[in-house]
Amino acid sequence: MQTDSRLCKYAKSLKTLQQDIYTLLVSIKRNEDWPSLAQEFRKNGEDAAWIDVTIGCTFDDAGEISWNYQTGDNSFTGGAYGHPEWFTTTVCSRSNCRQLTADLISEVENRICELA
């Protein structure tokens, strides 16, 4: 029961996070030069091009979620690094951004429940 109340506490923030992540993923997908990226990946023996996206989140006691993101392997300098909870996905030219967003939000919800 505590798990349900914790999710309810974050309901508004989760909805906003979902909208923000979807917008982010669509932007990444639309703005990438996929043909050039694919050419680079082929040079390295890969069949398809992709971009790793990491979402970093902080869940506060008031039910707010702060977040940032990074693409690729930014190690210690990316926007997600300052947050204790990380969630990752992979975007490619044919990605369904709604499904990727739903998967990420499910991971976030599961983590919120684990922390309860």
PDB file of N, CA and C in Angstrom:
ATOM      1  N   MET A   1       0.823  -1.197   0.000  1.00  0.00           N
ATOM      2  CA  MET A   1       0.000   0.000   0.000  1.00  0.00           C
ATOM      3  C   MET A   1       0.868   1.263   0.000  1.00  0.00           C
ATOM      4  N   GLN A   2       2.009   1.204   0.697  1.00  0.00           N
ATOM      5  CA  GLN A   2       2.905   2.354   0.725  1.00  0.00           C
ATOM      6  C   GLN A   2       3.406   2.672  -0.685  1.00  0.00           C
ATOM      7  N   THR A   3       3.567   1.630  -1.505  1.00  0.00           N
ATOM      8  CA  THR A   3       4.024   1.815  -2.875  1.00  0.00           C
ATOM      9  C   THR A   3       3.031   2.657  -3.668  1.00  0.00           C
ATOM     10  N   ASP A   4       1.726   2.354  -3.548  1.00  0.00           N
ATOM     11  CA  ASP A   4       0.696   3.114  -4.256  1.00  0.00           C
ATOM     12  C   ASP A   4       0.682   4.578  -3.816  1.00  0.00           C
ATOM     13  N   SER A   5       0.819   4.810  -2.523  1.00  0.00           N
ATOM     14  CA  SER A   5       0.797   6.197  -2.045  1.00  0.00           C
ATOM     15  C   SER A   5       2.037   6.943  -2.523  1.00  0.00           C
ATOM     16  N   ARG A   6       3.152   6.265  -2.636  1.00  0.00           N
ATOM     17  CA  ARG A   6       4.376   6.912  -3.137  1.00  0.00           C
ATOM     18  C   ARG A   6       4.200   7.303  -4.605  1.00  0.00           C
ATOM     19  N   LEU A   7       3.604   6.418  -5.406  1.00  0.00           N
ATOM     20  CA  LEU A   7       3.353   6.750  -6.810  1.00  0.00           C
ATOM     21  C   LEU A   7       2.362   7.898  -6.926  1.00  0.00           C
ATOM     22  N   CYS A   8       1.323   7.893  -6.071  1.00  0.00           N
ATOM     23  CA  CYS A   8       0.356   8.995  -6.086  1.00  0.00           C
ATOM     24  C   CYS A   8       1.044  10.310  -5.763  1.00  0.00           C
ATOM     25  N   LYS A   9       1.984  10.277  -4.836  1.00  0.00           N
ATOM     26  CA  LYS A   9       2.728  11.468  -4.447  1.00  0.00           C
ATOM     27  C   LYS A   9       3.477  12.058  -5.651  1.00  0.00           C
ATOM     28  N   TYR A  10       3.947  11.197  -6.529  1.00  0.00           N
ATOM     29  CA  TYR A  10       4.720  11.633  -7.693  1.00  0.00           C
ATOM     30  C   TYR A  10       3.898  11.715  -8.978  1.00  0.00           C
ATOM     31  N   ALA A  11       2.594  11.514  -8.901  1.00  0.00           N
ATOM     32  CA  ALA A  11       1.747  11.431 -10.105  1.00  0.00           C
ATOM     33  C   ALA A  11       1.888  12.645 -11.018  1.00  0.00           C
ATOM     34  N   LYS A  12       1.796  13.841 -10.466  1.00  0.00           N
ATOM     35  CA  LYS A  12       1.885  15.047 -11.288  1.00  0.00           C
ATOM     36  C   LYS A  12       3.269  15.168 -11.919  1.00  0.00           C
ATOM     37  N   SER A  13       4.308  14.913 -11.142  1.00  0.00           N
ATOM     38  CA  SER A  13       5.673  14.990 -11.662  1.00  0.00           C
ATOM     39  C   SER A  13       5.931  13.927 -12.718  1.00  0.00           C
ATOM     40  N   LEU A  14       5.362  12.738 -12.533  1.00  0.00           N
ATOM     41  CA  LEU A  14       5.535  11.671 -13.524  1.00  0.00           C
ATOM     42  C   LEU A  14       4.892  12.035 -14.857  1.00  0.00           C
ATOM     43  N   LYS A  15       3.717  12.659 -14.785  1.00  0.00           N
ATOM     44  CA  LYS A  15       3.039  13.071 -16.018  1.00  0.00           C
ATOM     45  C   LYS A  15       3.878  14.110 -16.773  1.00  0.00           C
ATOM     46  N   THR A  16       4.396  15.085 -16.040  1.00  0.00           N
ATOM     47  CA  THR A  16       5.255  16.100 -16.655  1.00  0.00           C
ATOM     48  C   THR A  16       6.524  15.468 -17.208  1.00  0.00           C
ATOM     49  N   LEU A  17       7.137  14.575 -16.433  1.00  0.00           N
ATOM     50  CA  LEU A  17       8.349  13.889 -16.885  1.00  0.00           C
ATOM     51  C   LEU A  17       8.082  13.105 -18.161  1.00  0.00           C
ATOM     52  N   GLN A  18       6.958  12.423 -18.222  1.00  0.00           N
ATOM     53  CA  GLN A  18       6.601  11.660 -19.415  1.00  0.00           C
ATOM     54  C   GLN A  18       6.506  12.568 -20.639  1.00  0.00           C
ATOM     55  N   GLN A  19       5.847  13.690 -20.504  1.00  0.00           N
ATOM     56  CA  GLN A  19       5.719  14.631 -21.628  1.00  0.00           C
ATOM     57  C   GLN A  19       7.088  15.179 -22.038  1.00  0.00           C
ATOM     58  N   ASP A  20       7.903  15.523 -21.047  1.00  0.00           N
ATOM     59  CA  ASP A  20       9.227  16.084 -21.322  1.00  0.00           C
ATOM     60  C   ASP A  20      10.146  15.069 -22.006  1.00  0.00           C
ATOM     61  N   ILE A  21      10.125  13.837 -21.538  1.00  0.00           N
ATOM     62  CA  ILE A  21      10.980  12.799 -22.135  1.00  0.00           C
ATOM     63  C   ILE A  21      10.532  12.507 -23.560  1.00  0.00           C
ATOM     64  N   TYR A  22       9.235  12.429 -23.775  1.00  0.00           N
ATOM     65  CA  TYR A  22       8.748  12.191 -25.138  1.00  0.00           C
ATOM     66  C   TYR A  22       9.225  13.303 -26.078  1.00  0.00           C
ATOM     67  N   THR A  23       9.067  14.542 -25.651  1.00  0.00           N
ATOM     68  CA  THR A  23       9.525  15.677 -26.461  1.00  0.00           C
ATOM     69  C   THR A  23      11.018  15.588 -26.734  1.00  0.00           C
ATOM     70  N   LEU A  24      11.792  15.233 -25.730  1.00  0.00           N
ATOM     71  CA  LEU A  24      13.234  15.085 -25.885  1.00  0.00           C
ATOM     72  C   LEU A  24      13.582  14.007 -26.908  1.00  0.00           C
ATOM     73  N   LEU A  25      12.986  12.828 -26.781  1.00  0.00           N
ATOM     74  CA  LEU A  25      13.303  11.716 -27.681  1.00  0.00           C
ATOM     75  C   LEU A  25      12.914  12.036 -29.122  1.00  0.00           C
ATOM     76  N   VAL A  26      11.769  12.665 -29.304  1.00  0.00           N
ATOM     77  CA  VAL A  26      11.349  13.069 -30.653  1.00  0.00           C
ATOM     78  C   VAL A  26      12.348  14.064 -31.234  1.00  0.00           C
ATOM     79  N   SER A  27      12.781  15.004 -30.423  1.00  0.00           N
ATOM     80  CA  SER A  27      13.748  15.994 -30.881  1.00  0.00           C
ATOM     81  C   SER A  27      15.073  15.345 -31.274  1.00  0.00           C
ATOM     82  N   ILE A  28      15.554  14.437 -30.457  1.00  0.00           N
ATOM     83  CA  ILE A  28      16.804  13.731 -30.775  1.00  0.00           C
ATOM     84  C   ILE A  28      16.646  12.963 -32.080  1.00  0.00           C
ATOM     85  N   LYS A  29      15.536  12.255 -32.209  1.00  0.00           N
ATOM     86  CA  LYS A  29      15.304  11.453 -33.414  1.00  0.00           C
ATOM     87  C   LYS A  29      15.208  12.328 -34.662  1.00  0.00           C
ATOM     88  N   ARG A  30      14.492  13.421 -34.567  1.00  0.00           N
ATOM     89  CA  ARG A  30      14.281  14.298 -35.731  1.00  0.00           C
ATOM     90  C   ARG A  30      15.543  15.068 -36.130  1.00  0.00           C
ATOM     91  N   ASN A  31      16.365  15.426 -35.161  1.00  0.00           N
ATOM     92  CA  ASN A  31      17.492  16.300 -35.433  1.00  0.00           C
ATOM     93  C   ASN A  31      18.791  15.573 -35.759  1.00  0.00           C
ATOM     94  N   GLU A  32      18.811  14.280 -35.609  1.00  0.00           N
ATOM     95  CA  GLU A  32      20.037  13.535 -35.904  1.00  0.00           C
ATOM     96  C   GLU A  32      20.214  13.371 -37.408  1.00  0.00           C
ATOM     97  N   ASP A  33      21.433  13.429 -37.858  1.00  0.00           N
ATOM     98  CA  ASP A  33      21.775  13.171 -39.253  1.00  0.00           C
ATOM     99  C   ASP A  33      22.019  11.658 -39.380  1.00  0.00           C
ATOM    100  N   TRP A  34      20.928  10.904 -39.522  1.00  0.00           N
ATOM    101  CA  TRP A  34      21.008   9.445 -39.510  1.00  0.00           C
ATOM    102  C   TRP A  34      21.880   8.875 -40.625  1.00  0.00           C
ATOM    103  N   PRO A  35      21.825   9.382 -41.855  1.00  0.00           N
ATOM    104  CA  PRO A  35      22.704   8.823 -42.895  1.00  0.00           C
ATOM    105  C   PRO A  35      24.192   8.961 -42.551  1.00  0.00           C
ATOM    106  N   SER A  36      24.591  10.104 -42.039  1.00  0.00           N
ATOM    107  CA  SER A  36      26.000  10.293 -41.663  1.00  0.00           C
ATOM    108  C   SER A  36      26.376   9.420 -40.475  1.00  0.00           C
ATOM    109  N   LEU A  37      25.469   9.338 -39.512  1.00  0.00           N
ATOM    110  CA  LEU A  37      25.733   8.502 -38.345  1.00  0.00           C
ATOM    111  C   LEU A  37      25.846   7.033 -38.743  1.00  0.00           C
ATOM    112  N   ALA A  38      24.964   6.599 -39.649  1.00  0.00           N
ATOM    113  CA  ALA A  38      25.008   5.212 -40.125  1.00  0.00           C
ATOM    114  C   ALA A  38      26.333   4.924 -40.817  1.00  0.00           C
ATOM    115  N   GLN A  39      26.813   5.888 -41.554  1.00  0.00           N
ATOM    116  CA  GLN A  39      28.095   5.717 -42.239  1.00  0.00           C
ATOM    117  C   GLN A  39      29.225   5.528 -41.221  1.00  0.00           C
ATOM    118  N   GLU A  40      29.211   6.292 -40.165  1.00  0.00           N
ATOM    119  CA  GLU A  40      30.214   6.148 -39.114  1.00  0.00           C
ATOM    120  C   GLU A  40      30.112   4.787 -38.429  1.00  0.00           C
ATOM    121  N   PHE A  41      28.887   4.351 -38.151  1.00  0.00           N
ATOM    122  CA  PHE A  41      28.695   3.051 -37.512  1.00  0.00           C
ATOM    123  C   PHE A  41      29.182   1.923 -38.412  1.00  0.00           C
ATOM    124  N   ARG A  42      28.922   2.025 -39.723  1.00  0.00           N
ATOM    125  CA  ARG A  42      29.375   0.985 -40.656  1.00  0.00           C
ATOM    126  C   ARG A  42      30.890   0.885 -40.676  1.00  0.00           C
ATOM    127  N   LYS A  43      31.571   2.021 -40.533  1.00  0.00           N
ATOM    128  CA  LYS A  43      33.036   2.015 -40.477  1.00  0.00           C
ATOM    129  C   LYS A  43      33.535   1.188 -39.296  1.00  0.00           C
ATOM    130  N   ASN A  44      32.732   1.152 -38.250  1.00  0.00           N
ATOM    131  CA  ASN A  44      33.089   0.399 -37.047  1.00  0.00           C
ATOM    132  C   ASN A  44      32.471  -0.994 -37.018  1.00  0.00           C
ATOM    133  N   GLY A  45      31.930  -1.428 -38.159  1.00  0.00           N
ATOM    134  CA  GLY A  45      31.392  -2.782 -38.254  1.00  0.00           C
ATOM    135  C   GLY A  45      29.988  -2.977 -37.728  1.00  0.00           C
ATOM    136  N   GLU A  46      29.273  -1.896 -37.474  1.00  0.00           N
ATOM    137  CA  GLU A  46      27.902  -1.992 -36.970  1.00  0.00           C
ATOM    138  C   GLU A  46      26.921  -1.974 -38.137  1.00  0.00           C
ATOM    139  N   ASP A  47      25.800  -2.686 -37.970  1.00  0.00           N
ATOM    140  CA  ASP A  47      24.776  -2.728 -39.017  1.00  0.00           C
ATOM    141  C   ASP A  47      23.831  -1.530 -38.984  1.00  0.00           C
ATOM    142  N   ALA A  48      23.595  -0.988 -37.803  1.00  0.00           N
ATOM    143  CA  ALA A  48      22.629   0.105 -37.668  1.00  0.00           C
ATOM    144  C   ALA A  48      23.181   1.173 -36.729  1.00  0.00           C
ATOM    145  N   ALA A  49      22.699   2.387 -36.921  1.00  0.00           N
ATOM    146  CA  ALA A  49      23.119   3.504 -36.077  1.00  0.00           C
ATOM    147  C   ALA A  49      22.122   3.698 -34.935  1.00  0.00           C
ATOM    148  N   TRP A  50      22.634   4.127 -33.810  1.00  0.00           N
ATOM    149  CA  TRP A  50      21.778   4.412 -32.665  1.00  0.00           C
ATOM    150  C   TRP A  50      22.438   5.479 -31.803  1.00  0.00           C
ATOM    151  N   ILE A  51      21.646   6.026 -30.898  1.00  0.00           N
ATOM    152  CA  ILE A  51      22.132   6.990 -29.920  1.00  0.00           C
ATOM    153  C   ILE A  51      21.651   6.534 -28.550  1.00  0.00           C
ATOM    154  N   ASP A  52      22.578   6.350 -27.623  1.00  0.00           N
ATOM    155  CA  ASP A  52      22.207   6.041 -26.247  1.00  0.00           C
ATOM    156  C   ASP A  52      21.764   7.320 -25.563  1.00  0.00           C
ATOM    157  N   VAL A  53      20.657   7.241 -24.829  1.00  0.00           N
ATOM    158  CA  VAL A  53      20.145   8.381 -24.071  1.00  0.00           C
ATOM    159  C   VAL A  53      19.996   7.939 -22.615  1.00  0.00           C
ATOM    160  N   THR A  54      20.595   8.699 -21.717  1.00  0.00           N
ATOM    161  CA  THR A  54      20.497   8.431 -20.284  1.00  0.00           C
ATOM    162  C   THR A  54      19.729   9.566 -19.632  1.00  0.00           C
ATOM    163  N   ILE A  55      18.714   9.199 -18.871  1.00  0.00           N
ATOM    164  CA  ILE A  55      17.914  10.149 -18.107  1.00  0.00           C
ATOM    165  C   ILE A  55      18.325  10.003 -16.649  1.00  0.00           C
ATOM    166  N   GLY A  56      18.754  11.096 -16.043  1.00  0.00           N
ATOM    167  CA  GLY A  56      19.084  11.087 -14.619  1.00  0.00           C
ATOM    168  C   GLY A  56      17.976  11.769 -13.846  1.00  0.00           C
ATOM    169  N   CYS A  57      17.552  11.153 -12.743  1.00  0.00           N
ATOM    170  CA  CYS A  57      16.444  11.697 -11.947  1.00  0.00           C
ATOM    171  C   CYS A  57      16.804  11.786 -10.469  1.00  0.00           C
ATOM    172  N   THR A  58      16.201  12.773  -9.828  1.00  0.00           N
ATOM    173  CA  THR A  58      16.238  12.903  -8.378  1.00  0.00           C
ATOM    174  C   THR A  58      14.792  13.009  -7.907  1.00  0.00           C
ATOM    175  N   PHE A  59      14.418  12.182  -6.942  1.00  0.00           N
ATOM    176  CA  PHE A  59      13.066  12.175  -6.388  1.00  0.00           C
ATOM    177  C   PHE A  59      13.118  12.828  -5.006  1.00  0.00           C
ATOM    178  N   ASP A  60      12.450  13.978  -4.832  1.00  0.00           N
ATOM    179  CA  ASP A  60      12.499  14.627  -3.514  1.00  0.00           C
ATOM    180  C   ASP A  60      11.307  14.213  -2.659  1.00  0.00           C
ATOM    181  N   ASP A  61      11.360  14.564  -1.407  1.00  0.00           N
ATOM    182  CA  ASP A  61      10.318  14.160  -0.452  1.00  0.00           C
ATOM    183  C   ASP A  61       8.979  14.849  -0.682  1.00  0.00           C
ATOM    184  N   ALA A  62       8.971  15.920  -1.451  1.00  0.00           N
ATOM    185  CA  ALA A  62       7.725  16.654  -1.721  1.00  0.00           C
ATOM    186  C   ALA A  62       6.988  16.117  -2.946  1.00  0.00           C
ATOM    187  N   GLY A  63       7.530  15.076  -3.592  1.00  0.00           N
ATOM    188  CA  GLY A  63       6.872  14.504  -4.761  1.00  0.00           C
ATOM    189  C   GLY A  63       7.320  15.107  -6.075  1.00  0.00           C
ATOM    190  N   GLU A  64       8.374  15.881  -6.055  1.00  0.00           N
ATOM    191  CA  GLU A  64       8.904  16.482  -7.277  1.00  0.00           C
ATOM    192  C   GLU A  64      10.030  15.622  -7.841  1.00  0.00           C
ATOM    193  N   ILE A  65      10.140  15.642  -9.155  1.00  0.00           N
ATOM    194  CA  ILE A  65      11.212  14.928  -9.844  1.00  0.00           C
ATOM    195  C   ILE A  65      12.026  15.949 -10.630  1.00  0.00           C
ATOM    196  N   SER A  66      13.297  16.062 -10.305  1.00  0.00           N
ATOM    197  CA  SER A  66      14.180  16.872 -11.139  1.00  0.00           C
ATOM    198  C   SER A  66      14.960  15.894 -12.019  1.00  0.00           C
ATOM    199  N   TRP A  67      15.327  16.372 -13.214  1.00  0.00           N
ATOM    200  CA  TRP A  67      15.991  15.464 -14.138  1.00  0.00           C
ATOM    201  C   TRP A  67      16.836  16.223 -15.149  1.00  0.00           C
ATOM    202  N   ASN A  68      17.687  15.465 -15.803  1.00  0.00           N
ATOM    203  CA  ASN A  68      18.464  15.966 -16.911  1.00  0.00           C
ATOM    204  C   ASN A  68      18.834  14.751 -17.751  1.00  0.00           C
ATOM    205  N   TYR A  69      19.502  14.966 -18.862  1.00  0.00           N
ATOM    206  CA  TYR A  69      19.831  13.847 -19.737  1.00  0.00           C
ATOM    207  C   TYR A  69      21.212  14.026 -20.341  1.00  0.00           C
ATOM    208  N   GLN A  70      21.680  12.969 -20.917  1.00  0.00           N
ATOM    209  CA  GLN A  70      22.901  13.004 -21.713  1.00  0.00           C
ATOM    210  C   GLN A  70      22.784  11.962 -22.813  1.00  0.00           C
ATOM    211  N   THR A  71      23.486  12.206 -23.894  1.00  0.00           N
ATOM    212  CA  THR A  71      23.527  11.237 -24.984  1.00  0.00           C
ATOM    213  C   THR A  71      24.929  10.671 -25.072  1.00  0.00           C
ATOM    214  N   GLY A  72      25.018   9.456 -25.564  1.00  0.00           N
ATOM    215  CA  GLY A  72      26.320   8.830 -25.705  1.00  0.00           C
ATOM    216  C   GLY A  72      26.936   8.521 -24.363  1.00  0.00           C
ATOM    217  N   ASP A  73      28.237   8.386 -24.348  1.00  0.00           N
ATOM    218  CA  ASP A  73      28.974   8.078 -23.130  1.00  0.00           C
ATOM    219  C   ASP A  73      29.690   9.332 -22.664  1.00  0.00           C
ATOM    220  N   ASN A  74      28.993  10.131 -21.874  1.00  0.00           N
ATOM    221  CA  ASN A  74      29.583  11.358 -21.358  1.00  0.00           C
ATOM    222  C   ASN A  74      30.234  11.147 -19.995  1.00  0.00           C
ATOM    223  N   SER A  75      30.232   9.903 -19.556  1.00  0.00           N
ATOM    224  CA  SER A  75      30.861   9.524 -18.290  1.00  0.00           C
ATOM    225  C   SER A  75      30.520  10.501 -17.174  1.00  0.00           C
ATOM    226  N   PHE A  76      31.516  11.237 -16.706  1.00  0.00           N
ATOM    227  CA  PHE A  76      31.325  12.079 -15.528  1.00  0.00           C
ATOM    228  C   PHE A  76      30.905  13.503 -15.842  1.00  0.00           C
ATOM    229  N   THR A  77      30.652  13.832 -17.105  1.00  0.00           N
ATOM    230  CA  THR A  77      30.372  15.219 -17.450  1.00  0.00           C
ATOM    231  C   THR A  77      28.974  15.441 -18.025  1.00  0.00           C
ATOM    232  N   GLY A  78      28.206  14.424 -18.261  1.00  0.00           N
ATOM    233  CA  GLY A  78      26.889  14.595 -18.862  1.00  0.00           C
ATOM    234  C   GLY A  78      25.866  15.142 -17.888  1.00  0.00           C
ATOM    235  N   GLY A  79      24.748  15.608 -18.437  1.00  0.00           N
ATOM    236  CA  GLY A  79      23.692  16.208 -17.637  1.00  0.00           C
ATOM    237  C   GLY A  79      23.054  15.272 -16.626  1.00  0.00           C
ATOM    238  N   ALA A  80      23.064  13.974 -16.898  1.00  0.00           N
ATOM    239  CA  ALA A  80      22.447  13.004 -15.984  1.00  0.00           C
ATOM    240  C   ALA A  80      23.319  12.721 -14.764  1.00  0.00           C
ATOM    241  N   TYR A  81      24.612  13.040 -14.883  1.00  0.00           N
ATOM    242  CA  TYR A  81      25.568  12.622 -13.861  1.00  0.00           C
ATOM    243  C   TYR A  81      25.239  13.139 -12.462  1.00  0.00           C
ATOM    244  N   GLY A  82      24.662  14.315 -12.352  1.00  0.00           N
ATOM    245  CA  GLY A  82      24.370  14.889 -11.040  1.00  0.00           C
ATOM    246  C   GLY A  82      23.170  14.283 -10.331  1.00  0.00           C
ATOM    247  N   HIS A  83      22.521  13.313 -10.948  1.00  0.00           N
ATOM    248  CA  HIS A  83      21.326  12.689 -10.359  1.00  0.00           C
ATOM    249  C   HIS A  83      21.644  11.260  -9.919  1.00  0.00           C
ATOM    250  N   PRO A  84      21.058  10.829  -8.804  1.00  0.00           N
ATOM    251  CA  PRO A  84      21.389   9.493  -8.282  1.00  0.00           C
ATOM    252  C   PRO A  84      20.737   8.330  -9.033  1.00  0.00           C
ATOM    253  N   GLU A  85      19.653   8.572  -9.728  1.00  0.00           N
ATOM    254  CA  GLU A  85      18.938   7.490 -10.424  1.00  0.00           C
ATOM    255  C   GLU A  85      19.062   7.683 -11.927  1.00  0.00           C
ATOM    256  N   TRP A  86      19.485   6.636 -12.629  1.00  0.00           N
ATOM    257  CA  TRP A  86      19.695   6.714 -14.078  1.00  0.00           C
ATOM    258  C   TRP A  86      18.834   5.681 -14.802  1.00  0.00           C
ATOM    259  N   PHE A  87      18.329   6.101 -15.960  1.00  0.00           N
ATOM    260  CA  PHE A  87      17.504   5.236 -16.803  1.00  0.00           C
ATOM    261  C   PHE A  87      17.973   5.429 -18.236  1.00  0.00           C
ATOM    262  N   THR A  88      18.151   4.353 -18.971  1.00  0.00           N
ATOM    263  CA  THR A  88      18.716   4.469 -20.314  1.00  0.00           C
ATOM    264  C   THR A  88      17.812   3.856 -21.369  1.00  0.00           C
ATOM    265  N   THR A  89      17.956   4.384 -22.570  1.00  0.00           N
ATOM    266  CA  THR A  89      17.278   3.827 -23.738  1.00  0.00           C
ATOM    267  C   THR A  89      18.170   4.076 -24.950  1.00  0.00           C
ATOM    268  N   THR A  90      17.797   3.472 -26.044  1.00  0.00           N
ATOM    269  CA  THR A  90      18.525   3.624 -27.295  1.00  0.00           C
ATOM    270  C   THR A  90      17.564   4.128 -28.355  1.00  0.00           C
ATOM    271  N   VAL A  91      17.948   5.208 -29.033  1.00  0.00           N
ATOM    272  CA  VAL A  91      17.135   5.798 -30.092  1.00  0.00           C
ATOM    273  C   VAL A  91      17.800   5.506 -31.427  1.00  0.00           C
ATOM    274  N   CYS A  92      16.996   5.063 -32.385  1.00  0.00           N
ATOM    275  CA  CYS A  92      17.480   4.893 -33.757  1.00  0.00           C
ATOM    276  C   CYS A  92      16.472   5.566 -34.690  1.00  0.00           C
ATOM    277  N   SER A  93      16.768   5.561 -35.961  1.00  0.00           N
ATOM    278  CA  SER A  93      15.923   6.300 -36.910  1.00  0.00           C
ATOM    279  C   SER A  93      14.488   5.784 -36.980  1.00  0.00           C
ATOM    280  N   ARG A  94      14.287   4.546 -36.625  1.00  0.00           N
ATOM    281  CA  ARG A  94      12.935   3.959 -36.683  1.00  0.00           C
ATOM    282  C   ARG A  94      12.303   3.746 -35.312  1.00  0.00           C
ATOM    283  N   SER A  95      12.860   4.355 -34.304  1.00  0.00           N
ATOM    284  CA  SER A  95      12.335   4.185 -32.946  1.00  0.00           C
ATOM    285  C   SER A  95      10.923   4.732 -32.811  1.00  0.00           C
ATOM    286  N   ASN A  96      10.142   4.051 -32.001  1.00  0.00           N
ATOM    287  CA  ASN A  96       8.824   4.526 -31.604  1.00  0.00           C
ATOM    288  C   ASN A  96       9.017   5.285 -30.291  1.00  0.00           C
ATOM    289  N   CYS A  97       9.054   6.598 -30.378  1.00  0.00           N
ATOM    290  CA  CYS A  97       9.369   7.425 -29.208  1.00  0.00           C
ATOM    291  C   CYS A  97       8.315   7.297 -28.112  1.00  0.00           C
ATOM    292  N   ARG A  98       7.059   7.061 -28.484  1.00  0.00           N
ATOM    293  CA  ARG A  98       6.017   6.855 -27.458  1.00  0.00           C
ATOM    294  C   ARG A  98       6.309   5.598 -26.647  1.00  0.00           C
ATOM    295  N   GLN A  99       6.701   4.527 -27.341  1.00  0.00           N
ATOM    296  CA  GLN A  99       7.001   3.281 -26.635  1.00  0.00           C
ATOM    297  C   GLN A  99       8.257   3.413 -25.781  1.00  0.00           C
ATOM    298  N   LEU A 100       9.291   4.058 -26.311  1.00  0.00           N
ATOM    299  CA  LEU A 100      10.507   4.281 -25.527  1.00  0.00           C
ATOM    300  C   LEU A 100      10.192   5.084 -24.269  1.00  0.00           C
ATOM    301  N   THR A 101       9.359   6.104 -24.408  1.00  0.00           N
ATOM    302  CA  THR A 101       8.969   6.922 -23.265  1.00  0.00           C
ATOM    303  C   THR A 101       8.200   6.091 -22.249  1.00  0.00           C
ATOM    304  N   ALA A 102       7.259   5.297 -22.718  1.00  0.00           N
ATOM    305  CA  ALA A 102       6.473   4.447 -21.811  1.00  0.00           C
ATOM    306  C   ALA A 102       7.377   3.486 -21.047  1.00  0.00           C
ATOM    307  N   ASP A 103       8.355   2.925 -21.741  1.00  0.00           N
ATOM    308  CA  ASP A 103       9.295   2.002 -21.092  1.00  0.00           C
ATOM    309  C   ASP A 103      10.122   2.718 -20.028  1.00  0.00           C
ATOM    310  N   LEU A 104      10.606   3.909 -20.351  1.00  0.00           N
ATOM    311  CA  LEU A 104      11.393   4.679 -19.378  1.00  0.00           C
ATOM    312  C   LEU A 104      10.553   5.060 -18.158  1.00  0.00           C
ATOM    313  N   ILE A 105       9.330   5.511 -18.387  1.00  0.00           N
ATOM    314  CA  ILE A 105       8.462   5.900 -17.264  1.00  0.00           C
ATOM    315  C   ILE A 105       8.150   4.688 -16.395  1.00  0.00           C
ATOM    316  N   SER A 106       7.968   3.536 -17.009  1.00  0.00           N
ATOM    317  CA  SER A 106       7.753   2.311 -16.235  1.00  0.00           C
ATOM    318  C   SER A 106       8.958   2.016 -15.343  1.00  0.00           C
ATOM    319  N   GLU A 107      10.158   2.190 -15.878  1.00  0.00           N
ATOM    320  CA  GLU A 107      11.373   1.996 -15.080  1.00  0.00           C
ATOM    321  C   GLU A 107      11.437   3.002 -13.926  1.00  0.00           C
ATOM    322  N   VAL A 108      11.083   4.252 -14.204  1.00  0.00           N
ATOM    323  CA  VAL A 108      11.081   5.283 -13.166  1.00  0.00           C
ATOM    324  C   VAL A 108      10.079   4.914 -12.074  1.00  0.00           C
ATOM    325  N   GLU A 109       8.867   4.521 -12.465  1.00  0.00           N
ATOM    326  CA  GLU A 109       7.853   4.125 -11.478  1.00  0.00           C
ATOM    327  C   GLU A 109       8.326   2.951 -10.636  1.00  0.00           C
ATOM    328  N   ASN A 110       8.941   1.965 -11.281  1.00  0.00           N
ATOM    329  CA  ASN A 110       9.452   0.813 -10.544  1.00  0.00           C
ATOM    330  C   ASN A 110      10.514   1.245  -9.530  1.00  0.00           C
ATOM    331  N   ARG A 111      11.373   2.158  -9.918  1.00  0.00           N
ATOM    332  CA  ARG A 111      12.415   2.629  -8.997  1.00  0.00           C
ATOM    333  C   ARG A 111      11.810   3.403  -7.836  1.00  0.00           C
ATOM    334  N   ILE A 112      10.814   4.234  -8.115  1.00  0.00           N
ATOM    335  CA  ILE A 112      10.132   4.950  -7.032  1.00  0.00           C
ATOM    336  C   ILE A 112       9.557   3.955  -6.031  1.00  0.00           C
ATOM    337  N   CYS A 113       8.948   2.890  -6.536  1.00  0.00           N
ATOM    338  CA  CYS A 113       8.372   1.862  -5.652  1.00  0.00           C
ATOM    339  C   CYS A 113       9.447   1.147  -4.848  1.00  0.00           C
ATOM    340  N   GLU A 114      10.586   0.883  -5.481  1.00  0.00           N
ATOM    341  CA  GLU A 114      11.698   0.226  -4.776  1.00  0.00           C
ATOM    342  C   GLU A 114      12.224   1.092  -3.633  1.00  0.00           C
ATOM    343  N   LEU A 115      12.189   2.398  -3.817  1.00  0.00           N
ATOM    344  CA  LEU A 115      12.708   3.314  -2.804  1.00  0.00           C
ATOM    345  C   LEU A 115      11.724   3.537  -1.649  1.00  0.00           C
ATOM    346  N   ALA A 116      10.475   3.078  -1.832  1.00  0.00           N
ATOM    347  CA  ALA A 116       9.442   3.297  -0.803  1.00  0.00           C
ATOM    348  C   ALA A 116       9.749   2.530   0.476  1.00  0.00           C
TER     349      ALA A 116
END
